[in-house]
C-alpha cells in the first residue's frame, strides 16, 4: 500500500468540524495554542493544503478531546477514503 502525499482534505474538515462543535467552540487560535502549533499550520491543515505529522495529529486530537482513532473515523466521514495507488 502506497502512502499518498496529497493533503487529506477530509482530515482538515474533521478538525474544523470538531473544534466548532458547541461543547468546544474553539477558534483556530485557541486550538493552535492548546495543541502547541502555529495558527498558520492549523489553518493550512484545515484548508487541506498540508498533511500533519503523527506527532502533530496526536497533539491536535488531545486538544480536541478525542482519540486519534476517532479523528481518523471523522476524517473518512468528511471525505478521506484512505491511501490510494
N, C-alpha and C. Protein backbone atom coordinates (compact mmCIF):
# COMPACT_ATOMS: atom_id res chain seq x y z
N UNK A 1 0.85 -1.18 0.00
CA UNK A 1 0.00 0.00 0.00
C UNK A 1 0.89 1.24 0.00
N UNK A 2 0.63 2.14 -0.92
CA UNK A 2 1.39 3.37 -1.03
C UNK A 2 0.76 4.48 -0.21
N UNK A 3 1.60 5.28 0.41
CA UNK A 3 1.11 6.43 1.15
C UNK A 3 0.95 7.61 0.19
N UNK A 4 -0.17 8.30 0.31
CA UNK A 4 -0.43 9.45 -0.54
C UNK A 4 0.27 10.68 0.03
N UNK A 5 0.88 11.46 -0.85
CA UNK A 5 1.49 12.72 -0.42
C UNK A 5 0.51 13.87 -0.58
N UNK A 6 -0.65 13.58 -1.17
CA UNK A 6 -1.68 14.60 -1.34
C UNK A 6 -2.27 14.96 0.02
N UNK A 7 -2.51 16.24 0.26
CA UNK A 7 -3.15 16.63 1.52
C UNK A 7 -4.51 15.94 1.68
N UNK A 8 -4.79 15.53 2.89
CA UNK A 8 -6.02 14.83 3.22
C UNK A 8 -7.09 15.86 3.62
N UNK A 9 -7.87 16.28 2.64
CA UNK A 9 -8.86 17.34 2.83
C UNK A 9 -9.87 16.97 3.92
N UNK A 10 -10.27 15.70 3.97
CA UNK A 10 -11.22 15.26 4.98
C UNK A 10 -10.70 15.41 6.39
N UNK A 11 -9.39 15.28 6.56
CA UNK A 11 -8.80 15.44 7.88
C UNK A 11 -8.96 16.88 8.35
N UNK A 12 -8.65 17.82 7.50
CA UNK A 12 -8.82 19.23 7.85
C UNK A 12 -10.26 19.56 8.16
N UNK A 13 -11.18 19.01 7.37
CA UNK A 13 -12.60 19.25 7.59
C UNK A 13 -13.05 18.66 8.92
N UNK A 14 -12.52 17.49 9.27
CA UNK A 14 -12.87 16.85 10.54
C UNK A 14 -12.36 17.66 11.73
N UNK A 15 -11.15 18.18 11.62
CA UNK A 15 -10.59 19.02 12.69
C UNK A 15 -11.43 20.27 12.85
N UNK A 16 -11.73 20.92 11.75
CA UNK A 16 -12.53 22.15 11.78
C UNK A 16 -13.92 21.90 12.39
N UNK A 17 -14.57 20.82 11.95
CA UNK A 17 -15.91 20.50 12.44
C UNK A 17 -15.89 20.22 13.94
N UNK A 18 -14.89 19.48 14.41
CA UNK A 18 -14.81 19.15 15.84
C UNK A 18 -14.56 20.40 16.66
N UNK A 19 -13.65 21.27 16.23
CA UNK A 19 -13.34 22.45 17.04
C UNK A 19 -14.52 23.41 17.13
N UNK A 20 -15.43 23.32 16.14
CA UNK A 20 -16.58 24.22 16.12
C UNK A 20 -17.82 23.62 16.79
N UNK A 21 -17.73 22.37 17.26
CA UNK A 21 -18.86 21.76 17.96
C UNK A 21 -19.17 22.59 19.21
N UNK A 22 -20.45 22.73 19.56
CA UNK A 22 -20.84 23.59 20.68
C UNK A 22 -20.11 23.30 22.00
N UNK A 23 -19.80 22.05 22.26
CA UNK A 23 -19.13 21.73 23.53
C UNK A 23 -17.69 22.26 23.60
N UNK A 24 -17.07 22.48 22.44
CA UNK A 24 -15.72 23.04 22.40
C UNK A 24 -15.74 24.50 21.96
N UNK A 25 -16.34 24.76 20.80
CA UNK A 25 -16.45 26.11 20.23
C UNK A 25 -15.13 26.87 20.31
N UNK A 26 -14.10 26.28 19.70
CA UNK A 26 -12.76 26.86 19.73
C UNK A 26 -12.46 27.64 18.46
N UNK A 27 -11.76 28.74 18.60
CA UNK A 27 -11.23 29.45 17.45
C UNK A 27 -9.98 28.69 16.98
N UNK A 28 -9.51 29.02 15.79
CA UNK A 28 -8.25 28.43 15.33
C UNK A 28 -7.13 28.77 16.30
N UNK A 29 -7.11 30.00 16.74
CA UNK A 29 -6.05 30.43 17.67
C UNK A 29 -6.08 29.61 18.96
N UNK A 30 -7.28 29.42 19.52
CA UNK A 30 -7.40 28.67 20.77
C UNK A 30 -6.97 27.22 20.59
N UNK A 31 -7.39 26.58 19.48
CA UNK A 31 -6.99 25.20 19.24
C UNK A 31 -5.49 25.10 19.02
N UNK A 32 -4.95 26.03 18.24
CA UNK A 32 -3.50 26.02 17.98
C UNK A 32 -2.73 26.15 19.29
N UNK A 33 -3.17 27.02 20.17
CA UNK A 33 -2.50 27.18 21.46
C UNK A 33 -2.59 25.90 22.29
N UNK A 34 -3.78 25.30 22.34
CA UNK A 34 -3.95 24.05 23.09
C UNK A 34 -3.06 22.94 22.55
N UNK A 35 -2.90 22.90 21.22
CA UNK A 35 -2.13 21.84 20.58
C UNK A 35 -0.64 22.15 20.49
N UNK A 36 -0.26 23.39 20.76
CA UNK A 36 1.15 23.75 20.69
C UNK A 36 1.67 23.88 19.27
N UNK A 37 0.80 24.33 18.37
CA UNK A 37 1.21 24.54 16.98
C UNK A 37 0.85 25.97 16.59
N UNK A 38 1.32 26.40 15.43
CA UNK A 38 1.01 27.75 15.00
C UNK A 38 -0.38 27.81 14.36
N UNK A 39 -0.96 28.99 14.40
CA UNK A 39 -2.26 29.20 13.76
C UNK A 39 -2.12 28.96 12.25
N UNK A 40 -1.02 29.39 11.67
CA UNK A 40 -0.80 29.20 10.23
C UNK A 40 -0.79 27.71 9.88
N UNK A 41 -0.13 26.90 10.69
CA UNK A 41 -0.08 25.46 10.43
C UNK A 41 -1.48 24.86 10.52
N UNK A 42 -2.23 25.22 11.55
CA UNK A 42 -3.59 24.73 11.71
C UNK A 42 -4.47 25.18 10.54
N UNK A 43 -4.33 26.42 10.14
CA UNK A 43 -5.11 26.95 9.02
C UNK A 43 -4.82 26.17 7.74
N UNK A 44 -3.56 25.90 7.47
CA UNK A 44 -3.18 25.12 6.29
C UNK A 44 -3.73 23.70 6.35
N UNK A 45 -3.70 23.10 7.52
CA UNK A 45 -4.23 21.75 7.70
C UNK A 45 -5.74 21.74 7.45
N UNK A 46 -6.46 22.68 8.06
CA UNK A 46 -7.91 22.74 7.90
C UNK A 46 -8.32 23.02 6.45
N UNK A 47 -7.51 23.77 5.73
CA UNK A 47 -7.80 24.10 4.33
C UNK A 47 -7.38 22.99 3.37
N UNK A 48 -6.75 21.94 3.90
CA UNK A 48 -6.33 20.84 3.04
C UNK A 48 -5.10 21.14 2.22
N UNK A 49 -4.28 22.09 2.68
CA UNK A 49 -3.07 22.46 1.95
C UNK A 49 -1.83 21.71 2.43
N UNK A 50 -1.94 21.02 3.57
CA UNK A 50 -0.78 20.34 4.12
C UNK A 50 -1.23 19.12 4.91
N UNK A 51 -0.32 18.16 5.05
CA UNK A 51 -0.54 17.00 5.90
C UNK A 51 0.31 17.14 7.16
N UNK A 52 -0.28 16.90 8.32
CA UNK A 52 0.49 16.99 9.56
C UNK A 52 1.27 15.71 9.82
N UNK A 53 2.24 15.79 10.71
CA UNK A 53 2.94 14.60 11.17
C UNK A 53 2.05 13.87 12.17
N UNK A 54 2.41 12.63 12.49
CA UNK A 54 1.66 11.89 13.51
C UNK A 54 1.73 12.61 14.85
N UNK A 55 2.88 13.16 15.16
CA UNK A 55 3.03 13.88 16.43
C UNK A 55 2.08 15.07 16.51
N UNK A 56 1.96 15.80 15.42
CA UNK A 56 1.05 16.94 15.38
C UNK A 56 -0.39 16.46 15.50
N UNK A 57 -0.72 15.36 14.84
CA UNK A 57 -2.08 14.85 14.93
C UNK A 57 -2.42 14.40 16.35
N UNK A 58 -1.45 13.82 17.04
CA UNK A 58 -1.68 13.44 18.44
C UNK A 58 -1.99 14.68 19.28
N UNK A 59 -1.23 15.74 19.06
CA UNK A 59 -1.45 16.98 19.80
C UNK A 59 -2.82 17.57 19.51
N UNK A 60 -3.20 17.56 18.23
CA UNK A 60 -4.50 18.12 17.84
C UNK A 60 -5.63 17.28 18.42
N UNK A 61 -5.52 15.96 18.30
CA UNK A 61 -6.56 15.08 18.85
C UNK A 61 -6.71 15.31 20.35
N UNK A 62 -5.60 15.39 21.07
CA UNK A 62 -5.65 15.66 22.51
C UNK A 62 -6.33 16.99 22.79
N UNK A 63 -5.98 18.01 22.01
CA UNK A 63 -6.56 19.34 22.20
C UNK A 63 -8.05 19.35 21.89
N UNK A 64 -8.49 18.45 21.02
CA UNK A 64 -9.90 18.34 20.67
C UNK A 64 -10.66 17.37 21.58
N UNK A 65 -9.95 16.78 22.53
CA UNK A 65 -10.54 15.82 23.47
C UNK A 65 -11.14 14.60 22.77
N UNK A 66 -10.44 14.11 21.73
CA UNK A 66 -10.85 12.88 21.06
C UNK A 66 -9.61 12.04 20.78
N UNK A 67 -9.81 10.76 20.52
CA UNK A 67 -8.69 9.87 20.21
C UNK A 67 -8.27 10.03 18.75
N UNK A 68 -7.08 9.55 18.44
CA UNK A 68 -6.64 9.55 17.04
C UNK A 68 -7.57 8.68 16.20
N UNK A 69 -8.05 7.57 16.76
CA UNK A 69 -8.96 6.70 16.03
C UNK A 69 -10.26 7.43 15.68
N UNK A 70 -10.78 8.18 16.64
CA UNK A 70 -12.00 8.94 16.39
C UNK A 70 -11.76 10.02 15.33
N UNK A 71 -10.62 10.67 15.39
CA UNK A 71 -10.30 11.69 14.40
C UNK A 71 -10.17 11.06 13.01
N UNK A 72 -9.58 9.88 12.93
CA UNK A 72 -9.46 9.18 11.64
C UNK A 72 -10.84 8.82 11.09
N UNK A 73 -11.72 8.34 11.96
CA UNK A 73 -13.08 8.00 11.54
C UNK A 73 -13.80 9.23 11.02
N UNK A 74 -13.69 10.32 11.74
CA UNK A 74 -14.33 11.57 11.31
C UNK A 74 -13.74 12.06 9.99
N UNK A 75 -12.44 11.86 9.82
CA UNK A 75 -11.78 12.25 8.57
C UNK A 75 -12.37 11.50 7.39
N UNK A 76 -12.59 10.20 7.56
CA UNK A 76 -13.18 9.40 6.49
C UNK A 76 -14.60 9.87 6.18
N UNK A 77 -15.35 10.22 7.21
CA UNK A 77 -16.72 10.71 7.00
C UNK A 77 -16.73 12.04 6.26
N UNK A 78 -15.64 12.81 6.41
CA UNK A 78 -15.56 14.12 5.75
C UNK A 78 -14.87 14.05 4.40
N UNK A 79 -14.56 12.82 3.92
CA UNK A 79 -14.08 12.74 2.56
C UNK A 79 -12.77 12.04 2.30
N UNK A 80 -12.02 11.65 3.31
CA UNK A 80 -10.77 10.94 3.06
C UNK A 80 -11.04 9.46 3.10
N UNK A 81 -10.87 8.80 1.97
CA UNK A 81 -11.14 7.37 1.88
C UNK A 81 -9.92 6.53 2.21
N UNK A 82 -8.79 7.15 2.49
CA UNK A 82 -7.58 6.38 2.81
C UNK A 82 -6.54 6.50 1.72
N UNK A 83 -5.57 5.61 1.79
CA UNK A 83 -4.46 5.61 0.85
C UNK A 83 -4.93 5.23 -0.54
N UNK A 84 -4.27 5.80 -1.53
CA UNK A 84 -4.58 5.48 -2.93
C UNK A 84 -3.33 4.98 -3.62
N UNK A 85 -3.51 4.32 -4.73
CA UNK A 85 -2.34 3.85 -5.50
C UNK A 85 -2.07 4.78 -6.65
